[in-house]
Amino acid sequence: MSEKAQKKSWFKGLKAEFNKIIWPDRKTLVKHTAAVVSVSVVLGAIIALVDFLAQYGVNILTTLG
């Protein structure tokens, strides 16, 4: 099989796979996006709090001596 025929066959298969994709509707997409943003904000706040507490603890330990 020639290289040109292989590329054509590959793109044909790629197109067939893309046609199998089921894209979410707008409502589902908005719901999932809101969930991801919400979880990211909450986890960011938790990480910031832990970082603040760790920094505070280290500052206390370094000023004891």
PDB file of N, CA and C in Angstrom:
ATOM      1  N   MET A   1       0.855  -1.173   0.000  1.00  0.00           N
ATOM      2  CA  MET A   1       0.000   0.000   0.000  1.00  0.00           C
ATOM      3  C   MET A   1       0.900   1.235   0.000  1.00  0.00           C
ATOM      4  N   SER A   2       0.566   2.197  -0.840  1.00  0.00           N
ATOM      5  CA  SER A   2       1.395   3.401  -0.928  1.00  0.00           C
ATOM      6  C   SER A   2       1.187   4.282   0.297  1.00  0.00           C
ATOM      7  N   GLU A   3       2.130   5.189   0.470  1.00  0.00           N
ATOM      8  CA  GLU A   3       2.066   6.090   1.629  1.00  0.00           C
ATOM      9  C   GLU A   3       0.820   6.977   1.562  1.00  0.00           C
ATOM     10  N   LYS A   4       0.477   7.409   0.360  1.00  0.00           N
ATOM     11  CA  LYS A   4      -0.701   8.264   0.185  1.00  0.00           C
ATOM     12  C   LYS A   4      -1.979   7.508   0.562  1.00  0.00           C
ATOM     13  N   ALA A   5      -2.043   6.250   0.172  1.00  0.00           N
ATOM     14  CA  ALA A   5      -3.220   5.426   0.489  1.00  0.00           C
ATOM     15  C   ALA A   5      -3.303   5.166   1.987  1.00  0.00           C
ATOM     16  N   GLN A   6      -2.142   5.000   2.642  1.00  0.00           N
ATOM     17  CA  GLN A   6      -2.131   4.779   4.090  1.00  0.00           C
ATOM     18  C   GLN A   6      -2.660   6.010   4.824  1.00  0.00           C
ATOM     19  N   LYS A   7      -2.216   7.194   4.385  1.00  0.00           N
ATOM     20  CA  LYS A   7      -2.680   8.434   5.022  1.00  0.00           C
ATOM     21  C   LYS A   7      -4.182   8.595   4.834  1.00  0.00           C
ATOM     22  N   LYS A   8      -4.652   8.300   3.621  1.00  0.00           N
ATOM     23  CA  LYS A   8      -6.079   8.427   3.334  1.00  0.00           C
ATOM     24  C   LYS A   8      -6.879   7.469   4.213  1.00  0.00           C
ATOM     25  N   SER A   9      -6.379   6.251   4.356  1.00  0.00           N
ATOM     26  CA  SER A   9      -7.049   5.256   5.188  1.00  0.00           C
ATOM     27  C   SER A   9      -7.049   5.689   6.654  1.00  0.00           C
ATOM     28  N   TRP A  10      -5.936   6.256   7.103  1.00  0.00           N
ATOM     29  CA  TRP A  10      -5.828   6.707   8.492  1.00  0.00           C
ATOM     30  C   TRP A  10      -6.834   7.823   8.768  1.00  0.00           C
ATOM     31  N   PHE A  11      -6.915   8.800   7.855  1.00  0.00           N
ATOM     32  CA  PHE A  11      -7.859   9.900   8.044  1.00  0.00           C
ATOM     33  C   PHE A  11      -9.301   9.418   7.959  1.00  0.00           C
ATOM     34  N   LYS A  12      -9.548   8.408   7.139  1.00  0.00           N
ATOM     35  CA  LYS A  12     -10.889   7.831   7.047  1.00  0.00           C
ATOM     36  C   LYS A  12     -11.273   7.201   8.385  1.00  0.00           C
ATOM     37  N   GLY A  13     -10.331   6.471   8.986  1.00  0.00           N
ATOM     38  CA  GLY A  13     -10.568   5.870  10.299  1.00  0.00           C
ATOM     39  C   GLY A  13     -10.752   6.926  11.374  1.00  0.00           C
ATOM     40  N   LEU A  14      -9.963   7.997  11.292  1.00  0.00           N
ATOM     41  CA  LEU A  14     -10.075   9.097  12.248  1.00  0.00           C
ATOM     42  C   LEU A  14     -11.461   9.735  12.172  1.00  0.00           C
ATOM     43  N   LYS A  15     -11.933   9.961  10.960  1.00  0.00           N
ATOM     44  CA  LYS A  15     -13.265  10.549  10.776  1.00  0.00           C
ATOM     45  C   LYS A  15     -14.343   9.618  11.342  1.00  0.00           C
ATOM     46  N   ALA A  16     -14.183   8.323  11.136  1.00  0.00           N
ATOM     47  CA  ALA A  16     -15.155   7.355  11.658  1.00  0.00           C
ATOM     48  C   ALA A  16     -15.176   7.387  13.181  1.00  0.00           C
ATOM     49  N   GLU A  17     -14.009   7.513  13.810  1.00  0.00           N
ATOM     50  CA  GLU A  17     -13.947   7.582  15.275  1.00  0.00           C
ATOM     51  C   GLU A  17     -14.575   8.873  15.794  1.00  0.00           C
ATOM     52  N   PHE A  18     -14.333   9.987  15.103  1.00  0.00           N
ATOM     53  CA  PHE A  18     -14.933  11.253  15.527  1.00  0.00           C
ATOM     54  C   PHE A  18     -16.451  11.211  15.422  1.00  0.00           C
ATOM     55  N   ASN A  19     -16.969  10.469  14.462  1.00  0.00           N
ATOM     56  CA  ASN A  19     -18.423  10.351  14.325  1.00  0.00           C
ATOM     57  C   ASN A  19     -19.039   9.540  15.461  1.00  0.00           C
ATOM     58  N   LYS A  20     -18.233   8.753  16.183  1.00  0.00           N
ATOM     59  CA  LYS A  20     -18.730   7.962  17.307  1.00  0.00           C
ATOM     60  C   LYS A  20     -18.840   8.780  18.595  1.00  0.00           C
ATOM     61  N   ILE A  21     -18.213   9.944  18.610  1.00  0.00           N
ATOM     62  CA  ILE A  21     -18.208  10.767  19.819  1.00  0.00           C
ATOM     63  C   ILE A  21     -19.609  11.308  20.077  1.00  0.00           C
ATOM     64  N   ILE A  22     -20.048  11.205  21.326  1.00  0.00           N
ATOM     65  CA  ILE A  22     -21.334  11.777  21.725  1.00  0.00           C
ATOM     66  C   ILE A  22     -21.025  13.029  22.537  1.00  0.00           C
ATOM     67  N   TRP A  23     -21.244  14.177  21.938  1.00  0.00           N
ATOM     68  CA  TRP A  23     -20.939  15.439  22.599  1.00  0.00           C
ATOM     69  C   TRP A  23     -22.050  15.784  23.584  1.00  0.00           C
ATOM     70  N   PRO A  24     -21.705  16.352  24.741  1.00  0.00           N
ATOM     71  CA  PRO A  24     -22.733  16.706  25.732  1.00  0.00           C
ATOM     72  C   PRO A  24     -23.553  17.904  25.262  1.00  0.00           C
ATOM     73  N   ASP A  25     -24.805  17.947  25.730  1.00  0.00           N
ATOM     74  CA  ASP A  25     -25.625  19.110  25.398  1.00  0.00           C
ATOM     75  C   ASP A  25     -25.205  20.288  26.289  1.00  0.00           C
ATOM     76  N   ARG A  26     -25.734  21.453  25.985  1.00  0.00           N
ATOM     77  CA  ARG A  26     -25.326  22.680  26.673  1.00  0.00           C
ATOM     78  C   ARG A  26     -25.587  22.613  28.181  1.00  0.00           C
ATOM     79  N   LYS A  27     -26.741  22.078  28.568  1.00  0.00           N
ATOM     80  CA  LYS A  27     -27.108  22.003  29.985  1.00  0.00           C
ATOM     81  C   LYS A  27     -26.108  21.145  30.762  1.00  0.00           C
ATOM     82  N   THR A  28     -25.772  19.991  30.219  1.00  0.00           N
ATOM     83  CA  THR A  28     -24.813  19.095  30.868  1.00  0.00           C
ATOM     84  C   THR A  28     -23.435  19.734  30.930  1.00  0.00           C
ATOM     85  N   LEU A  29     -23.041  20.389  29.855  1.00  0.00           N
ATOM     86  CA  LEU A  29     -21.735  21.038  29.807  1.00  0.00           C
ATOM     87  C   LEU A  29     -21.622  22.131  30.862  1.00  0.00           C
ATOM     88  N   VAL A  30     -22.671  22.934  31.013  1.00  0.00           N
ATOM     89  CA  VAL A  30     -22.667  24.000  32.018  1.00  0.00           C
ATOM     90  C   VAL A  30     -22.622  23.400  33.422  1.00  0.00           C
ATOM     91  N   LYS A  31     -23.384  22.345  33.644  1.00  0.00           N
ATOM     92  CA  LYS A  31     -23.401  21.683  34.950  1.00  0.00           C
ATOM     93  C   LYS A  31     -22.026  21.132  35.322  1.00  0.00           C
ATOM     94  N   HIS A  32     -21.409  20.443  34.397  1.00  0.00           N
ATOM     95  CA  HIS A  32     -20.095  19.858  34.665  1.00  0.00           C
ATOM     96  C   HIS A  32     -19.030  20.938  34.840  1.00  0.00           C
ATOM     97  N   THR A  33     -19.117  21.997  34.050  1.00  0.00           N
ATOM     98  CA  THR A  33     -18.161  23.097  34.183  1.00  0.00           C
ATOM     99  C   THR A  33     -18.298  23.755  35.546  1.00  0.00           C
ATOM    100  N   ALA A  34     -19.524  23.988  35.988  1.00  0.00           N
ATOM    101  CA  ALA A  34     -19.754  24.591  37.304  1.00  0.00           C
ATOM    102  C   ALA A  34     -19.218  23.688  38.413  1.00  0.00           C
ATOM    103  N   ALA A  35     -19.395  22.391  38.265  1.00  0.00           N
ATOM    104  CA  ALA A  35     -18.891  21.453  39.275  1.00  0.00           C
ATOM    105  C   ALA A  35     -17.368  21.490  39.341  1.00  0.00           C
ATOM    106  N   VAL A  36     -16.718  21.510  38.192  1.00  0.00           N
ATOM    107  CA  VAL A  36     -15.252  21.537  38.161  1.00  0.00           C
ATOM    108  C   VAL A  36     -14.724  22.834  38.760  1.00  0.00           C
ATOM    109  N   VAL A  37     -15.332  23.957  38.408  1.00  0.00           N
ATOM    110  CA  VAL A  37     -14.888  25.248  38.946  1.00  0.00           C
ATOM    111  C   VAL A  37     -15.112  25.294  40.456  1.00  0.00           C
ATOM    112  N   SER A  38     -16.260  24.827  40.910  1.00  0.00           N
ATOM    113  CA  SER A  38     -16.565  24.836  42.345  1.00  0.00           C
ATOM    114  C   SER A  38     -15.574  23.986  43.134  1.00  0.00           C
ATOM    115  N   VAL A  39     -15.328  22.780  42.677  1.00  0.00           N
ATOM    116  CA  VAL A  39     -14.388  21.895  43.371  1.00  0.00           C
ATOM    117  C   VAL A  39     -12.983  22.495  43.355  1.00  0.00           C
ATOM    118  N   SER A  40     -12.601  23.112  42.246  1.00  0.00           N
ATOM    119  CA  SER A  40     -11.278  23.740  42.162  1.00  0.00           C
ATOM    120  C   SER A  40     -11.135  24.876  43.158  1.00  0.00           C
ATOM    121  N   VAL A  41     -12.171  25.698  43.293  1.00  0.00           N
ATOM    122  CA  VAL A  41     -12.129  26.813  44.238  1.00  0.00           C
ATOM    123  C   VAL A  41     -12.046  26.291  45.673  1.00  0.00           C
ATOM    124  N   VAL A  42     -12.854  25.294  46.003  1.00  0.00           N
ATOM    125  CA  VAL A  42     -12.844  24.737  47.356  1.00  0.00           C
ATOM    126  C   VAL A  42     -11.481  24.118  47.677  1.00  0.00           C
ATOM    127  N   LEU A  43     -10.949  23.327  46.761  1.00  0.00           N
ATOM    128  CA  LEU A  43      -9.638  22.716  47.000  1.00  0.00           C
ATOM    129  C   LEU A  43      -8.541  23.775  47.089  1.00  0.00           C
ATOM    130  N   GLY A  44      -8.638  24.819  46.274  1.00  0.00           N
ATOM    131  CA  GLY A  44      -7.673  25.913  46.361  1.00  0.00           C
ATOM    132  C   GLY A  44      -7.721  26.588  47.716  1.00  0.00           C
ATOM    133  N   ALA A  45      -8.927  26.796  48.242  1.00  0.00           N
ATOM    134  CA  ALA A  45      -9.076  27.410  49.563  1.00  0.00           C
ATOM    135  C   ALA A  45      -8.511  26.499  50.655  1.00  0.00           C
ATOM    136  N   ILE A  46      -8.753  25.203  50.551  1.00  0.00           N
ATOM    137  CA  ILE A  46      -8.224  24.257  51.542  1.00  0.00           C
ATOM    138  C   ILE A  46      -6.693  24.256  51.509  1.00  0.00           C
ATOM    139  N   ILE A  47      -6.124  24.222  50.322  1.00  0.00           N
ATOM    140  CA  ILE A  47      -4.661  24.234  50.193  1.00  0.00           C
ATOM    141  C   ILE A  47      -4.088  25.534  50.738  1.00  0.00           C
ATOM    142  N   ALA A  48      -4.750  26.670  50.457  1.00  0.00           N
ATOM    143  CA  ALA A  48      -4.278  27.956  50.978  1.00  0.00           C
ATOM    144  C   ALA A  48      -4.337  27.976  52.501  1.00  0.00           C
ATOM    145  N   LEU A  49      -5.390  27.425  53.085  1.00  0.00           N
ATOM    146  CA  LEU A  49      -5.520  27.374  54.540  1.00  0.00           C
ATOM    147  C   LEU A  49      -4.425  26.505  55.163  1.00  0.00           C
ATOM    148  N   VAL A  50      -4.193  25.338  54.593  1.00  0.00           N
ATOM    149  CA  VAL A  50      -3.139  24.455  55.100  1.00  0.00           C
ATOM    150  C   VAL A  50      -1.777  25.140  54.978  1.00  0.00           C
ATOM    151  N   ASP A  51      -1.543  25.826  53.875  1.00  0.00           N
ATOM    152  CA  ASP A  51      -0.284  26.539  53.682  1.00  0.00           C
ATOM    153  C   ASP A  51      -0.118  27.640  54.724  1.00  0.00           C
ATOM    154  N   PHE A  52      -1.196  28.381  54.962  1.00  0.00           N
ATOM    155  CA  PHE A  52      -1.148  29.451  55.962  1.00  0.00           C
ATOM    156  C   PHE A  52      -0.849  28.889  57.348  1.00  0.00           C
ATOM    157  N   LEU A  53      -1.524  27.807  57.716  1.00  0.00           N
ATOM    158  CA  LEU A  53      -1.297  27.193  59.025  1.00  0.00           C
ATOM    159  C   LEU A  53       0.124  26.642  59.151  1.00  0.00           C
ATOM    160  N   ALA A  54       0.639  26.044  58.099  1.00  0.00           N
ATOM    161  CA  ALA A  54       2.006  25.524  58.129  1.00  0.00           C
ATOM    162  C   ALA A  54       3.006  26.667  58.276  1.00  0.00           C
ATOM    163  N   GLN A  55       2.774  27.741  57.553  1.00  0.00           N
ATOM    164  CA  GLN A  55       3.663  28.904  57.646  1.00  0.00           C
ATOM    165  C   GLN A  55       3.607  29.502  59.052  1.00  0.00           C
ATOM    166  N   TYR A  56       2.425  29.601  59.601  1.00  0.00           N
ATOM    167  CA  TYR A  56       2.251  30.126  60.958  1.00  0.00           C
ATOM    168  C   TYR A  56       2.985  29.240  61.967  1.00  0.00           C
ATOM    169  N   GLY A  57       2.849  27.930  61.813  1.00  0.00           N
ATOM    170  CA  GLY A  57       3.521  26.991  62.707  1.00  0.00           C
ATOM    171  C   GLY A  57       5.035  27.090  62.613  1.00  0.00           C
ATOM    172  N   VAL A  58       5.559  27.210  61.417  1.00  0.00           N
ATOM    173  CA  VAL A  58       7.006  27.339  61.234  1.00  0.00           C
ATOM    174  C   VAL A  58       7.495  28.649  61.841  1.00  0.00           C
ATOM    175  N   ASN A  59       6.743  29.719  61.661  1.00  0.00           N
ATOM    176  CA  ASN A  59       7.130  31.010  62.250  1.00  0.00           C
ATOM    177  C   ASN A  59       7.164  30.931  63.773  1.00  0.00           C
ATOM    178  N   ILE A  60       6.212  30.248  64.362  1.00  0.00           N
ATOM    179  CA  ILE A  60       6.201  30.090  65.826  1.00  0.00           C
ATOM    180  C   ILE A  60       7.427  29.294  66.275  1.00  0.00           C
ATOM    181  N   LEU A  61       7.721  28.210  65.574  1.00  0.00           N
ATOM    182  CA  LEU A  61       8.865  27.374  65.947  1.00  0.00           C
ATOM    183  C   LEU A  61      10.195  28.113  65.792  1.00  0.00           C
ATOM    184  N   THR A  62      10.313  28.959  64.803  1.00  0.00           N
ATOM    185  CA  THR A  62      11.581  29.665  64.588  1.00  0.00           C
ATOM    186  C   THR A  62      11.772  30.825  65.554  1.00  0.00           C
ATOM    187  N   THR A  63      10.701  31.335  66.141  1.00  0.00           N
ATOM    188  CA  THR A  63      10.840  32.456  67.082  1.00  0.00           C
ATOM    189  C   THR A  63      10.954  31.988  68.528  1.00  0.00           C
ATOM    190  N   LEU A  64      10.846  30.703  68.783  1.00  0.00           N
ATOM    191  CA  LEU A  64      10.936  30.191  70.153  1.00  0.00           C
ATOM    192  C   LEU A  64      12.358  30.284  70.709  1.00  0.00           C
ATOM    193  N   GLY A  65      13.337  30.144  69.856  1.00  0.00           N
ATOM    194  CA  GLY A  65      14.713  30.055  70.314  1.00  0.00           C
ATOM    195  C   GLY A  65      15.302  31.372  70.588  1.00  0.00           C
TER     196      GLY A  65
END
